Amino acid sequence: MSVTALSTTRFTMRPLRREDTAALYPTLSDPQQCLYLTRPAFTSHEELWGWLGDPAWPGRTWIAEFAEGPKAGEVAGRFIAVQGHADGVWELGYIVCSEAQGQGVASECTRALIAHLFDLPLDQGGARKLTAEVDTRNTASVRLLESLGFTREAHFREHEMTHIGMCDVYWYGLLKSDV
């Protein structure tokens, strides 16, 4: 599925390229940074590219990079949208590179992605509802979603087995009519 380039005040969000693996690897190979992924940290660039570039994966990926200044062109994070259970429903995901965390990357880029998906017509891959699934212990992600207007719709106890064990999950939703 094609990815439209997006722009924010500080970032350009563009399609994934193979060379992005090198920029994402330091974060996605760190067990602490991957604590809330469903899988453990990656152990090689090849393994990471196999995951990022999997042609069978049904979602869309945007790579956020700094648009200007001394960090211009540096990768700041990965943002995704995956078709949900029904037309017009998309699940969002994000990971910010460790060296860019705490700089508002996730907030700014997720806002842009939300606006983009809600602005597109449904028959062109637009959204009527956005969802996000988050490990209940991931307080940074919980704060982000709530600051963006998402509503916690469910708390699934012992819902998912991951590399760190059985996890509780919050399910968040944002309707187009909410924004």
N, C-alpha and C. Protein backbone atom coordinates (compact mmCIF):
# COMPACT_ATOMS: atom_id res chain seq x y z
N MET A 1 0.86 -1.18 0.00
CA MET A 1 0.00 0.00 0.00
C MET A 1 0.90 1.24 0.00
N SER A 2 0.56 2.22 -0.80
CA SER A 2 1.41 3.40 -0.94
C SER A 2 1.33 4.28 0.31
N VAL A 3 2.41 5.00 0.52
CA VAL A 3 2.52 5.89 1.66
C VAL A 3 2.75 7.31 1.13
N THR A 4 1.88 8.22 1.52
CA THR A 4 2.00 9.62 1.14
C THR A 4 2.95 10.31 2.11
N ALA A 5 3.90 11.06 1.58
CA ALA A 5 4.80 11.83 2.45
C ALA A 5 3.99 12.88 3.21
N LEU A 6 4.35 13.05 4.47
CA LEU A 6 3.68 14.02 5.34
C LEU A 6 4.74 14.97 5.90
N SER A 7 4.30 16.16 6.27
CA SER A 7 5.22 17.14 6.88
C SER A 7 4.59 17.70 8.14
N THR A 8 5.43 17.93 9.13
CA THR A 8 5.03 18.63 10.35
C THR A 8 5.95 19.84 10.48
N THR A 9 5.84 20.53 11.56
CA THR A 9 6.70 21.69 11.78
C THR A 9 8.17 21.30 11.77
N ARG A 10 8.50 20.16 12.39
CA ARG A 10 9.91 19.77 12.54
C ARG A 10 10.32 18.52 11.79
N PHE A 11 9.35 17.78 11.22
CA PHE A 11 9.67 16.47 10.66
C PHE A 11 9.08 16.27 9.27
N THR A 12 9.77 15.45 8.52
CA THR A 12 9.25 14.91 7.27
C THR A 12 8.96 13.45 7.52
N MET A 13 7.79 12.98 7.11
CA MET A 13 7.41 11.58 7.28
C MET A 13 7.30 10.99 5.89
N ARG A 14 8.11 10.00 5.60
CA ARG A 14 8.24 9.46 4.25
C ARG A 14 8.18 7.95 4.29
N PRO A 15 8.09 7.30 3.13
CA PRO A 15 8.09 5.84 3.10
C PRO A 15 9.41 5.25 3.62
N LEU A 16 9.32 4.04 4.10
CA LEU A 16 10.47 3.27 4.58
C LEU A 16 11.43 2.97 3.43
N ARG A 17 12.74 3.06 3.75
CA ARG A 17 13.80 2.64 2.81
C ARG A 17 14.70 1.66 3.55
N ARG A 18 15.32 0.77 2.80
CA ARG A 18 16.18 -0.25 3.41
C ARG A 18 17.26 0.37 4.30
N GLU A 19 17.82 1.50 3.89
CA GLU A 19 18.89 2.12 4.68
C GLU A 19 18.41 2.66 6.03
N ASP A 20 17.10 2.73 6.24
CA ASP A 20 16.57 3.13 7.54
C ASP A 20 16.88 2.09 8.62
N THR A 21 17.17 0.88 8.19
CA THR A 21 17.50 -0.19 9.14
C THR A 21 18.66 0.24 10.04
N ALA A 22 19.67 0.84 9.48
CA ALA A 22 20.85 1.25 10.25
C ALA A 22 20.48 2.28 11.32
N ALA A 23 19.59 3.19 10.99
CA ALA A 23 19.18 4.22 11.95
C ALA A 23 18.28 3.67 13.05
N LEU A 24 17.44 2.69 12.71
CA LEU A 24 16.51 2.12 13.69
C LEU A 24 17.14 1.02 14.55
N TYR A 25 18.20 0.41 14.05
CA TYR A 25 18.80 -0.74 14.74
C TYR A 25 19.27 -0.43 16.17
N PRO A 26 19.95 0.69 16.44
CA PRO A 26 20.38 0.92 17.83
C PRO A 26 19.21 0.89 18.83
N THR A 27 18.06 1.37 18.44
CA THR A 27 16.90 1.35 19.33
C THR A 27 16.26 -0.03 19.36
N LEU A 28 16.06 -0.62 18.20
CA LEU A 28 15.35 -1.89 18.14
C LEU A 28 16.22 -3.11 18.46
N SER A 29 17.49 -2.89 18.76
CA SER A 29 18.35 -3.97 19.24
C SER A 29 18.60 -3.85 20.75
N ASP A 30 18.03 -2.83 21.37
CA ASP A 30 18.19 -2.58 22.80
C ASP A 30 17.02 -3.23 23.55
N PRO A 31 17.31 -4.24 24.39
CA PRO A 31 16.22 -4.93 25.10
C PRO A 31 15.33 -3.99 25.92
N GLN A 32 15.89 -2.95 26.49
CA GLN A 32 15.08 -2.02 27.28
C GLN A 32 14.13 -1.23 26.39
N GLN A 33 14.58 -0.83 25.21
CA GLN A 33 13.73 -0.09 24.27
C GLN A 33 12.63 -0.99 23.68
N CYS A 34 12.89 -2.29 23.63
CA CYS A 34 11.93 -3.25 23.04
C CYS A 34 11.07 -3.94 24.08
N LEU A 35 11.12 -3.45 25.29
CA LEU A 35 10.41 -4.09 26.39
C LEU A 35 8.94 -4.31 26.08
N TYR A 36 8.28 -3.36 25.40
CA TYR A 36 6.84 -3.46 25.18
C TYR A 36 6.48 -3.93 23.78
N LEU A 37 7.45 -4.35 22.99
CA LEU A 37 7.14 -5.01 21.73
C LEU A 37 6.68 -6.43 22.03
N THR A 38 6.02 -7.05 21.09
CA THR A 38 5.58 -8.43 21.30
C THR A 38 6.71 -9.42 21.09
N ARG A 39 7.85 -8.94 20.63
CA ARG A 39 9.00 -9.80 20.35
C ARG A 39 10.24 -9.19 20.99
N PRO A 40 11.28 -9.99 21.19
CA PRO A 40 12.49 -9.45 21.80
C PRO A 40 13.26 -8.55 20.83
N ALA A 41 14.27 -7.90 21.36
CA ALA A 41 15.13 -7.03 20.57
C ALA A 41 15.75 -7.79 19.40
N PHE A 42 16.02 -7.07 18.34
CA PHE A 42 16.62 -7.66 17.14
C PHE A 42 18.11 -7.89 17.36
N THR A 43 18.65 -8.91 16.72
CA THR A 43 20.06 -9.27 16.93
C THR A 43 20.93 -9.00 15.71
N SER A 44 20.34 -8.56 14.61
CA SER A 44 21.13 -8.23 13.43
C SER A 44 20.35 -7.27 12.53
N HIS A 45 21.09 -6.57 11.71
CA HIS A 45 20.45 -5.68 10.73
C HIS A 45 19.57 -6.49 9.77
N GLU A 46 20.03 -7.67 9.39
CA GLU A 46 19.26 -8.51 8.46
C GLU A 46 17.93 -8.92 9.07
N GLU A 47 17.97 -9.33 10.33
CA GLU A 47 16.73 -9.73 11.01
C GLU A 47 15.76 -8.53 11.08
N LEU A 48 16.29 -7.37 11.41
CA LEU A 48 15.45 -6.18 11.51
C LEU A 48 14.86 -5.82 10.14
N TRP A 49 15.68 -5.84 9.09
CA TRP A 49 15.14 -5.52 7.77
C TRP A 49 14.07 -6.54 7.35
N GLY A 50 14.26 -7.81 7.68
CA GLY A 50 13.26 -8.82 7.37
C GLY A 50 11.92 -8.50 7.99
N TRP A 51 11.93 -7.91 9.18
CA TRP A 51 10.71 -7.52 9.88
C TRP A 51 10.14 -6.22 9.31
N LEU A 52 11.00 -5.21 9.15
CA LEU A 52 10.54 -3.91 8.64
C LEU A 52 10.04 -4.00 7.20
N GLY A 53 10.76 -4.74 6.37
CA GLY A 53 10.46 -4.76 4.95
C GLY A 53 9.67 -5.96 4.47
N ASP A 54 9.07 -6.70 5.39
CA ASP A 54 8.30 -7.89 5.04
C ASP A 54 7.22 -7.55 4.01
N PRO A 55 7.32 -8.07 2.79
CA PRO A 55 6.34 -7.72 1.76
C PRO A 55 4.93 -8.24 2.05
N ALA A 56 4.79 -9.20 2.95
CA ALA A 56 3.46 -9.73 3.28
C ALA A 56 2.77 -8.90 4.36
N TRP A 57 3.51 -8.00 5.01
CA TRP A 57 2.91 -7.19 6.08
C TRP A 57 1.88 -6.24 5.47
N PRO A 58 0.66 -6.19 6.00
CA PRO A 58 -0.42 -5.44 5.35
C PRO A 58 -0.50 -3.95 5.71
N GLY A 59 0.44 -3.45 6.48
CA GLY A 59 0.34 -2.06 6.93
C GLY A 59 1.10 -1.06 6.09
N ARG A 60 1.09 0.17 6.58
CA ARG A 60 1.83 1.28 5.97
C ARG A 60 2.84 1.80 6.99
N THR A 61 4.02 2.15 6.51
CA THR A 61 5.08 2.65 7.38
C THR A 61 5.52 4.04 6.94
N TRP A 62 5.64 4.93 7.92
CA TRP A 62 6.25 6.25 7.70
C TRP A 62 7.49 6.34 8.57
N ILE A 63 8.56 6.84 7.99
CA ILE A 63 9.78 7.12 8.73
C ILE A 63 9.84 8.62 8.95
N ALA A 64 9.93 9.02 10.20
CA ALA A 64 10.03 10.45 10.53
C ALA A 64 11.50 10.82 10.59
N GLU A 65 11.85 11.88 9.88
CA GLU A 65 13.21 12.39 9.96
C GLU A 65 13.16 13.89 10.21
N PHE A 66 14.17 14.37 10.90
CA PHE A 66 14.25 15.80 11.17
C PHE A 66 14.31 16.55 9.85
N ALA A 67 13.53 17.62 9.72
CA ALA A 67 13.42 18.34 8.45
C ALA A 67 14.51 19.39 8.26
N GLU A 68 15.02 19.93 9.37
CA GLU A 68 16.01 21.00 9.24
C GLU A 68 16.89 21.06 10.47
N GLY A 69 17.84 21.95 10.44
CA GLY A 69 18.75 22.12 11.57
C GLY A 69 19.88 21.12 11.53
N PRO A 70 20.62 21.04 12.62
CA PRO A 70 21.81 20.16 12.65
C PRO A 70 21.48 18.68 12.50
N LYS A 71 20.26 18.28 12.79
CA LYS A 71 19.86 16.88 12.67
C LYS A 71 19.10 16.59 11.37
N ALA A 72 19.05 17.55 10.45
CA ALA A 72 18.28 17.38 9.21
C ALA A 72 18.64 16.07 8.52
N GLY A 73 17.60 15.30 8.18
CA GLY A 73 17.79 14.02 7.51
C GLY A 73 17.98 12.84 8.44
N GLU A 74 18.20 13.07 9.73
CA GLU A 74 18.36 11.97 10.68
C GLU A 74 17.00 11.35 11.01
N VAL A 75 16.97 10.03 11.07
CA VAL A 75 15.73 9.31 11.40
C VAL A 75 15.40 9.51 12.88
N ALA A 76 14.14 9.87 13.14
CA ALA A 76 13.68 10.10 14.51
C ALA A 76 12.75 8.99 14.99
N GLY A 77 12.09 8.26 14.05
CA GLY A 77 11.19 7.21 14.49
C GLY A 77 10.44 6.58 13.34
N ARG A 78 9.67 5.55 13.70
CA ARG A 78 8.84 4.80 12.74
C ARG A 78 7.40 4.87 13.21
N PHE A 79 6.49 5.15 12.28
CA PHE A 79 5.07 5.27 12.57
C PHE A 79 4.32 4.38 11.60
N ILE A 80 3.33 3.65 12.10
CA ILE A 80 2.63 2.69 11.25
C ILE A 80 1.12 2.81 11.39
N ALA A 81 0.45 2.35 10.35
CA ALA A 81 -1.01 2.19 10.36
C ALA A 81 -1.30 0.84 9.71
N VAL A 82 -2.09 0.01 10.40
CA VAL A 82 -2.44 -1.32 9.92
C VAL A 82 -3.96 -1.41 9.88
N GLN A 83 -4.48 -1.91 8.74
CA GLN A 83 -5.93 -2.06 8.60
C GLN A 83 -6.48 -2.89 9.75
N GLY A 84 -7.55 -2.42 10.35
CA GLY A 84 -8.18 -3.11 11.46
C GLY A 84 -9.21 -4.12 10.99
N HIS A 85 -10.13 -4.42 11.88
CA HIS A 85 -11.13 -5.47 11.64
C HIS A 85 -12.21 -5.08 10.64
N ALA A 86 -12.32 -3.80 10.31
CA ALA A 86 -13.38 -3.33 9.40
C ALA A 86 -12.84 -2.19 8.55
N ASP A 87 -13.50 -1.95 7.43
CA ASP A 87 -13.12 -0.81 6.59
C ASP A 87 -13.18 0.47 7.40
N GLY A 88 -12.17 1.31 7.22
CA GLY A 88 -12.14 2.59 7.91
C GLY A 88 -11.59 2.53 9.32
N VAL A 89 -11.16 1.36 9.77
CA VAL A 89 -10.57 1.22 11.10
C VAL A 89 -9.09 0.88 10.91
N TRP A 90 -8.23 1.68 11.51
CA TRP A 90 -6.79 1.50 11.40
C TRP A 90 -6.17 1.48 12.79
N GLU A 91 -5.24 0.56 13.00
CA GLU A 91 -4.48 0.53 14.25
C GLU A 91 -3.17 1.26 14.03
N LEU A 92 -2.82 2.15 14.96
CA LEU A 92 -1.59 2.92 14.89
C LEU A 92 -0.52 2.31 15.78
N GLY A 93 0.72 2.54 15.41
CA GLY A 93 1.86 2.14 16.22
C GLY A 93 3.01 3.10 15.97
N TYR A 94 3.97 3.12 16.88
CA TYR A 94 5.08 4.07 16.77
C TYR A 94 6.22 3.62 17.65
N ILE A 95 7.41 3.97 17.24
CA ILE A 95 8.59 3.84 18.08
C ILE A 95 9.53 4.98 17.71
N VAL A 96 10.02 5.65 18.72
CA VAL A 96 10.91 6.79 18.52
C VAL A 96 12.33 6.32 18.83
N CYS A 97 13.26 6.70 17.97
CA CYS A 97 14.67 6.35 18.19
C CYS A 97 15.12 6.88 19.55
N SER A 98 15.91 6.09 20.25
CA SER A 98 16.27 6.43 21.63
C SER A 98 16.89 7.81 21.75
N GLU A 99 17.72 8.21 20.79
CA GLU A 99 18.37 9.52 20.89
C GLU A 99 17.40 10.68 20.63
N ALA A 100 16.20 10.40 20.12
CA ALA A 100 15.21 11.45 19.86
C ALA A 100 14.06 11.43 20.87
N GLN A 101 14.09 10.50 21.82
CA GLN A 101 13.01 10.42 22.80
C GLN A 101 13.01 11.65 23.70
N GLY A 102 11.82 12.03 24.14
CA GLY A 102 11.68 13.18 25.02
C GLY A 102 11.68 14.51 24.29
N GLN A 103 11.61 14.48 22.96
CA GLN A 103 11.63 15.72 22.16
C GLN A 103 10.31 15.98 21.45
N GLY A 104 9.26 15.26 21.81
CA GLY A 104 7.95 15.49 21.22
C GLY A 104 7.76 14.86 19.84
N VAL A 105 8.65 13.97 19.45
CA VAL A 105 8.56 13.33 18.13
C VAL A 105 7.25 12.56 18.00
N ALA A 106 6.96 11.69 18.96
CA ALA A 106 5.77 10.84 18.88
C ALA A 106 4.50 11.68 18.82
N SER A 107 4.42 12.70 19.63
CA SER A 107 3.23 13.55 19.65
C SER A 107 3.03 14.26 18.32
N GLU A 108 4.06 14.91 17.83
CA GLU A 108 3.96 15.69 16.59
C GLU A 108 3.67 14.80 15.38
N CYS A 109 4.37 13.70 15.29
CA CYS A 109 4.21 12.83 14.12
C CYS A 109 2.91 12.03 14.17
N THR A 110 2.50 11.59 15.35
CA THR A 110 1.22 10.87 15.46
C THR A 110 0.06 11.80 15.15
N ARG A 111 0.15 13.06 15.58
CA ARG A 111 -0.89 14.04 15.23
C ARG A 111 -1.01 14.18 13.71
N ALA A 112 0.12 14.24 13.04
CA ALA A 112 0.11 14.36 11.57
C ALA A 112 -0.50 13.13 10.93
N LEU A 113 -0.18 11.97 11.45
CA LEU A 113 -0.72 10.72 10.91
C LEU A 113 -2.23 10.64 11.14
N ILE A 114 -2.67 11.04 12.31
CA ILE A 114 -4.11 11.06 12.62
C ILE A 114 -4.83 11.97 11.62
N ALA A 115 -4.33 13.18 11.44
CA ALA A 115 -4.96 14.14 10.53
C ALA A 115 -5.00 13.57 9.11
N HIS A 116 -3.90 12.97 8.68
CA HIS A 116 -3.83 12.40 7.34
C HIS A 116 -4.88 11.29 7.15
N LEU A 117 -4.95 10.36 8.07
CA LEU A 117 -5.87 9.24 7.93
C LEU A 117 -7.33 9.68 8.02
N PHE A 118 -7.62 10.66 8.85
CA PHE A 118 -8.99 11.16 8.95
C PHE A 118 -9.36 12.04 7.75
N ASP A 119 -8.38 12.67 7.11
CA ASP A 119 -8.66 13.52 5.95
C ASP A 119 -8.89 12.73 4.67
N LEU A 120 -8.31 11.53 4.58
CA LEU A 120 -8.47 10.72 3.38
C LEU A 120 -9.90 10.16 3.30
N PRO A 121 -10.47 10.09 2.09
CA PRO A 121 -11.77 9.40 1.95
C PRO A 121 -11.60 7.91 2.29
N LEU A 122 -12.65 7.31 2.81
CA LEU A 122 -12.59 5.90 3.20
C LEU A 122 -12.18 5.00 2.04
N ASP A 123 -12.67 5.31 0.84
CA ASP A 123 -12.34 4.46 -0.31
C ASP A 123 -10.91 4.64 -0.81
N GLN A 124 -10.18 5.56 -0.18
CA GLN A 124 -8.76 5.77 -0.52
C GLN A 124 -7.86 5.44 0.67
N GLY A 125 -8.36 4.63 1.58
CA GLY A 125 -7.57 4.22 2.73
C GLY A 125 -7.69 5.12 3.94
N GLY A 126 -8.71 5.94 3.96
CA GLY A 126 -8.93 6.83 5.09
C GLY A 126 -9.53 6.09 6.27
N ALA A 127 -9.67 6.82 7.38
CA ALA A 127 -10.15 6.22 8.62
C ALA A 127 -11.39 6.92 9.14
N ARG A 128 -12.25 6.12 9.76
CA ARG A 128 -13.36 6.66 10.55
C ARG A 128 -13.06 6.45 12.04
N LYS A 129 -12.13 5.48 12.30
CA LYS A 129 -11.72 5.19 13.67
C LYS A 129 -10.27 4.74 13.65
N LEU A 130 -9.52 5.20 14.67
CA LEU A 130 -8.13 4.77 14.87
C LEU A 130 -8.06 4.07 16.22
N THR A 131 -7.27 3.02 16.28
CA THR A 131 -7.10 2.28 17.53
C THR A 131 -5.61 2.14 17.84
N ALA A 132 -5.33 1.80 19.07
CA ALA A 132 -3.96 1.51 19.49
C ALA A 132 -4.03 0.53 20.66
N GLU A 133 -3.18 -0.47 20.62
CA GLU A 133 -3.07 -1.46 21.68
C GLU A 133 -1.77 -1.18 22.41
N VAL A 134 -1.82 -1.12 23.74
CA VAL A 134 -0.61 -0.77 24.49
C VAL A 134 -0.52 -1.61 25.76
N ASP A 135 0.67 -2.09 26.04
CA ASP A 135 0.94 -2.79 27.30
C ASP A 135 0.63 -1.81 28.43
N THR A 136 -0.10 -2.26 29.43
CA THR A 136 -0.53 -1.38 30.51
C THR A 136 0.62 -0.76 31.29
N ARG A 137 1.80 -1.37 31.22
CA ARG A 137 2.97 -0.84 31.93
C ARG A 137 3.69 0.24 31.13
N ASN A 138 3.31 0.45 29.89
CA ASN A 138 3.97 1.42 29.03
C ASN A 138 3.34 2.80 29.26
N THR A 139 3.73 3.41 30.37
CA THR A 139 3.10 4.67 30.78
C THR A 139 3.34 5.81 29.79
N ALA A 140 4.48 5.83 29.12
CA ALA A 140 4.74 6.89 28.14
C ALA A 140 3.75 6.81 26.99
N SER A 141 3.47 5.60 26.51
CA SER A 141 2.53 5.43 25.41
C SER A 141 1.10 5.72 25.86
N VAL A 142 0.76 5.32 27.07
CA VAL A 142 -0.57 5.63 27.61
C VAL A 142 -0.76 7.14 27.68
N ARG A 143 0.24 7.86 28.21
CA ARG A 143 0.15 9.33 28.30
C ARG A 143 0.00 9.96 26.92
N LEU A 144 0.79 9.46 25.95
CA LEU A 144 0.72 10.00 24.60
C LEU A 144 -0.69 9.84 24.02
N LEU A 145 -1.21 8.63 24.05
CA LEU A 145 -2.54 8.38 23.47
C LEU A 145 -3.60 9.24 24.13
N GLU A 146 -3.58 9.33 25.44
CA GLU A 146 -4.58 10.12 26.14
C GLU A 146 -4.42 11.61 25.82
N SER A 147 -3.18 12.09 25.65
CA SER A 147 -2.97 13.50 25.30
C SER A 147 -3.46 13.80 23.88
N LEU A 148 -3.52 12.79 23.03
CA LEU A 148 -3.99 12.96 21.65
C LEU A 148 -5.51 12.79 21.53
N GLY A 149 -6.18 12.54 22.65
CA GLY A 149 -7.64 12.44 22.64
C GLY A 149 -8.19 11.04 22.53
N PHE A 150 -7.33 10.02 22.53
CA PHE A 150 -7.81 8.63 22.48
C PHE A 150 -8.54 8.30 23.78
N THR A 151 -9.54 7.45 23.67
CA THR A 151 -10.30 6.97 24.83
C THR A 151 -9.93 5.53 25.10
N ARG A 152 -9.67 5.22 26.37
CA ARG A 152 -9.42 3.83 26.73
C ARG A 152 -10.75 3.09 26.66
N GLU A 153 -10.84 2.14 25.73
CA GLU A 153 -12.08 1.41 25.50
C GLU A 153 -12.11 0.06 26.20
N ALA A 154 -10.94 -0.47 26.54
CA ALA A 154 -10.92 -1.79 27.17
C ALA A 154 -9.60 -2.01 27.92
N HIS A 155 -9.67 -2.87 28.90
CA HIS A 155 -8.50 -3.37 29.61
C HIS A 155 -8.60 -4.89 29.55
N PHE A 156 -7.73 -5.46 28.73
CA PHE A 156 -7.72 -6.92 28.58
C PHE A 156 -6.65 -7.49 29.50
N ARG A 157 -7.08 -8.26 30.48
CA ARG A 157 -6.16 -8.83 31.45
C ARG A 157 -5.53 -10.10 30.90
N GLU A 158 -4.23 -10.26 31.19
CA GLU A 158 -3.46 -11.42 30.72
C GLU A 158 -3.84 -11.74 29.26
N HIS A 159 -3.72 -10.73 28.43
CA HIS A 159 -4.23 -10.80 27.06
C HIS A 159 -3.21 -11.32 26.05
N GLU A 160 -1.94 -11.04 26.28
CA GLU A 160 -0.96 -11.34 25.24
C GLU A 160 0.32 -11.89 25.85
N MET A 161 0.80 -12.98 25.26
CA MET A 161 2.08 -13.54 25.68
C MET A 161 3.17 -12.89 24.82
N THR A 162 4.14 -12.29 25.49
CA THR A 162 5.26 -11.67 24.79
C THR A 162 6.56 -12.25 25.33
N HIS A 163 7.66 -11.73 24.86
CA HIS A 163 8.98 -12.19 25.30
C HIS A 163 9.23 -11.90 26.79
N ILE A 164 8.44 -11.02 27.40
CA ILE A 164 8.61 -10.74 28.83
C ILE A 164 7.53 -11.41 29.68
N GLY A 165 6.69 -12.21 29.05
CA GLY A 165 5.64 -12.91 29.79
C GLY A 165 4.25 -12.45 29.39
N MET A 166 3.29 -12.85 30.18
CA MET A 166 1.89 -12.52 29.92
C MET A 166 1.66 -11.04 30.26
N CYS A 167 0.99 -10.33 29.36
CA CYS A 167 0.80 -8.89 29.52
C CYS A 167 -0.66 -8.52 29.52
N ASP A 168 -0.99 -7.55 30.36
CA ASP A 168 -2.27 -6.87 30.28
C ASP A 168 -2.16 -5.83 29.17
N VAL A 169 -3.27 -5.57 28.50
CA VAL A 169 -3.28 -4.63 27.38
C VAL A 169 -4.44 -3.66 27.52
N TYR A 170 -4.16 -2.38 27.26
CA TYR A 170 -5.22 -1.39 27.11
C TYR A 170 -5.50 -1.25 25.62
N TRP A 171 -6.76 -1.07 25.28
CA TRP A 171 -7.17 -0.84 23.91
C TRP A 171 -7.74 0.57 23.86
N TYR A 172 -7.17 1.41 23.00
CA TYR A 172 -7.59 2.80 22.85
C TYR A 172 -8.26 3.01 21.51
N GLY A 173 -9.20 3.96 21.46
CA GLY A 173 -9.85 4.31 20.20
C GLY A 173 -10.03 5.80 20.08
N LEU A 174 -10.00 6.28 18.84
CA LEU A 174 -10.26 7.67 18.52
C LEU A 174 -11.15 7.70 17.29
N LEU A 175 -12.32 8.28 17.42
CA LEU A 175 -13.24 8.40 16.30
C LEU A 175 -12.99 9.69 15.54
N LYS A 176 -13.24 9.67 14.25
CA LYS A 176 -13.11 10.88 13.44
C LYS A 176 -13.96 11.98 14.02
N SER A 177 -15.13 11.64 14.54
CA SER A 177 -16.03 12.63 15.14
C SER A 177 -15.51 13.20 16.46
N ASP A 178 -14.45 12.58 17.03
CA ASP A 178 -13.87 13.06 18.28
C ASP A 178 -12.94 14.26 18.07
N VAL A 179 -12.46 14.42 16.84
CA VAL A 179 -11.46 15.47 16.61
C VAL A 179 -12.04 16.69 15.94
